[in-house]
């Protein structure tokens, strides 16, 4: 089973921290997931380094 990378993000709407899991086998990802606290849609842009060790997560509102 492939490992997943756990990271913390902050909701761009309510500012609450949330733990998310990133699949490092997909180097560029873009998806929308609802905030676990305020239920508003967060847009995620994720980049994983070629070695799968470094992860960059950018979160935006659906209006950005």
Protein backbone atom coordinates (compact mmCIF):
# COMPACT_ATOMS: atom_id res chain seq x y z
CA UNK A 1 0.00 0.00 0.00
CA UNK A 2 1.27 3.45 -0.87
CA UNK A 3 1.89 5.80 1.98
CA UNK A 4 0.02 9.05 2.22
CA UNK A 5 1.43 12.34 3.44
CA UNK A 6 -0.46 14.00 6.27
CA UNK A 7 -0.47 17.80 6.28
CA UNK A 8 -2.41 20.56 8.01
CA UNK A 9 -4.18 23.31 6.08
CA UNK A 10 -6.27 26.25 7.23
CA UNK A 11 -9.67 26.92 5.71
CA UNK A 12 -9.55 30.13 3.63
CA UNK A 13 -13.07 30.96 4.86
CA UNK A 14 -13.20 30.21 8.60
CA UNK A 15 -9.47 29.80 9.33
CA UNK A 16 -9.89 26.51 11.17
CA UNK A 17 -7.04 23.97 10.88
CA UNK A 18 -7.74 20.63 9.20
CA UNK A 19 -5.63 17.57 8.56
CA UNK A 20 -5.65 16.26 5.01
CA UNK A 21 -3.97 13.27 3.36
CA UNK A 22 -2.03 13.67 0.11
CA UNK A 23 -1.32 10.80 -2.30
CA UNK A 24 2.35 11.37 -3.27
CA UNK A 25 2.07 9.19 -6.40
CA UNK A 26 0.16 12.02 -8.15
CA UNK A 27 2.62 14.89 -8.69
CA UNK A 28 0.09 17.61 -9.59
CA UNK A 29 -3.43 17.64 -8.21
CA UNK A 30 -6.33 20.09 -8.27
CA UNK A 31 -9.61 19.36 -6.56
CA UNK A 32 -12.39 20.88 -4.45
CA UNK A 33 -13.32 19.58 -1.02
CA UNK A 34 -15.73 21.04 1.53
CA UNK A 35 -14.34 22.46 4.78
CA UNK A 36 -14.86 20.00 7.64
CA UNK A 37 -15.99 22.88 9.89
CA UNK A 38 -17.91 25.49 7.85
CA UNK A 39 -18.79 23.24 4.86
CA UNK A 40 -17.75 25.83 2.25
CA UNK A 41 -15.87 24.60 -0.87
CA UNK A 42 -12.07 24.83 -0.66
CA UNK A 43 -10.08 24.64 -3.89
CA UNK A 44 -6.83 22.70 -3.48
CA UNK A 45 -3.76 22.83 -5.72
CA UNK A 46 -1.14 20.28 -4.70
CA UNK A 47 2.35 19.68 -6.04
CA UNK A 48 4.54 16.77 -4.94
CA UNK A 49 8.29 16.63 -5.61
CA UNK A 50 9.62 13.88 -7.90
CA UNK A 51 11.00 11.96 -4.91
CA UNK A 52 7.60 12.24 -3.16
CA UNK A 53 9.08 13.85 -0.06
CA UNK A 54 8.15 17.53 -0.46
CA UNK A 55 4.55 18.64 -0.76
CA UNK A 56 3.18 22.08 -1.56
CA UNK A 57 -0.51 22.69 -0.85
CA UNK A 58 -2.26 25.89 -1.87
CA UNK A 59 -5.83 26.51 -0.74
CA UNK A 60 -8.21 29.07 -2.19
CA UNK A 61 -11.84 30.06 -2.00
CA UNK A 62 -13.97 29.11 -4.99
CA UNK A 63 -14.05 32.83 -5.90
CA UNK A 64 -10.23 33.22 -6.25
